[in-house]
């Protein structure tokens, strides 16, 4: 049986580049590799955040951009439907 695909959701708003890199790298370095990583940019006016997100070229990462700040809970609930079917 194949390992289930897991979806990891993370919303970002005003993290520093260091905090964001540490968070993303922590997920990417997991021993379980059958996952997709949905990162929600909840601060469209934070250009440093956008630049950092675009620097990642891992095929497991999908970046989602909110047009306005929705908050953590609303962002995650809104994009749960974009996640894979197996596990979130």
Protein backbone atom coordinates (compact mmCIF):
# COMPACT_ATOMS: atom_id res chain seq x y z
CA UNK A 1 0.00 0.00 0.00
CA UNK A 2 1.28 3.47 -0.89
CA UNK A 3 1.99 5.95 1.86
CA UNK A 4 -0.85 8.48 2.14
CA UNK A 5 -0.36 11.98 0.82
CA UNK A 6 -0.38 14.49 3.65
CA UNK A 7 -1.18 18.17 3.16
CA UNK A 8 0.55 20.65 5.44
CA UNK A 9 -1.02 24.11 5.64
CA UNK A 10 0.88 27.14 6.93
CA UNK A 11 -0.31 30.72 6.92
CA UNK A 12 2.21 33.57 6.98
CA UNK A 13 1.64 37.21 7.79
CA UNK A 14 4.48 39.19 9.32
CA UNK A 15 7.23 36.70 10.12
CA UNK A 16 10.85 37.69 9.74
CA UNK A 17 12.83 36.06 6.94
CA UNK A 18 14.68 34.00 9.54
CA UNK A 19 11.45 32.75 11.16
CA UNK A 20 9.90 31.93 7.80
CA UNK A 21 12.98 30.06 6.55
CA UNK A 22 13.20 28.06 9.78
CA UNK A 23 9.52 27.11 9.58
CA UNK A 24 9.62 26.09 5.93
CA UNK A 25 12.89 24.19 6.26
CA UNK A 26 11.55 22.35 9.31
CA UNK A 27 8.70 20.95 7.21
CA UNK A 28 10.86 20.20 4.15
CA UNK A 29 13.39 18.25 6.23
CA UNK A 30 10.87 15.78 7.66
CA UNK A 31 11.65 12.11 7.13
CA UNK A 32 8.16 11.51 5.77
CA UNK A 33 8.33 12.84 2.22
CA UNK A 34 4.91 12.15 0.70
CA UNK A 35 3.40 15.53 1.43
CA UNK A 36 2.35 18.75 -0.21
CA UNK A 37 3.05 22.02 1.54
CA UNK A 38 0.48 24.77 1.07
CA UNK A 39 1.83 28.11 2.25
CA UNK A 40 -0.72 30.90 2.46
CA UNK A 41 0.63 34.44 2.15
CA UNK A 42 -1.90 36.39 4.22
CA UNK A 43 -0.07 39.71 3.88
CA UNK A 44 -0.02 40.79 0.23
CA UNK A 45 1.75 44.05 1.13
CA UNK A 46 4.79 42.37 2.70
CA UNK A 47 7.19 42.22 -0.25
CA UNK A 48 10.04 40.68 1.75
CA UNK A 49 7.75 37.81 2.70
CA UNK A 50 6.78 37.34 -0.96
CA UNK A 51 10.42 37.38 -2.04
CA UNK A 52 11.33 34.72 0.53
CA UNK A 53 8.43 32.48 -0.49
CA UNK A 54 9.37 32.72 -4.17
CA UNK A 55 12.93 31.65 -3.40
CA UNK A 56 11.80 28.08 -2.64
CA UNK A 57 11.80 25.77 -5.66
CA UNK A 58 10.64 22.55 -3.98
CA UNK A 59 7.89 20.87 -6.02
CA UNK A 60 5.99 19.98 -2.84
CA UNK A 61 5.39 23.68 -2.10
CA UNK A 62 2.31 25.47 -3.38
CA UNK A 63 2.12 29.15 -2.54
CA UNK A 64 -1.32 30.72 -2.21
CA UNK A 65 -1.73 34.49 -2.14
CA UNK A 66 -4.58 36.20 -0.35
CA UNK A 67 -5.60 39.49 -1.92
CA UNK A 68 -6.21 40.87 1.58
CA UNK A 69 -5.49 39.82 5.15
CA UNK A 70 -8.04 37.17 6.17
CA UNK A 71 -6.46 35.98 9.41
CA UNK A 72 -5.08 32.57 10.32
CA UNK A 73 -8.29 30.62 10.85
CA UNK A 74 -10.17 31.95 7.84
CA UNK A 75 -7.15 31.46 5.56
CA UNK A 76 -6.64 27.85 6.62
CA UNK A 77 -10.34 27.00 6.40
CA UNK A 78 -10.64 28.63 2.99
CA UNK A 79 -7.76 26.65 1.48
CA UNK A 80 -8.44 23.29 3.11
CA UNK A 81 -10.38 22.45 -0.06
CA UNK A 82 -7.15 22.92 -2.07
CA UNK A 83 -5.44 20.23 -0.05
CA UNK A 84 -4.97 16.62 -1.14
CA UNK A 85 -7.65 14.12 -0.26
CA UNK A 86 -5.79 11.81 2.11
CA UNK A 87 -4.77 13.72 5.27
CA UNK A 88 -4.53 17.37 6.29
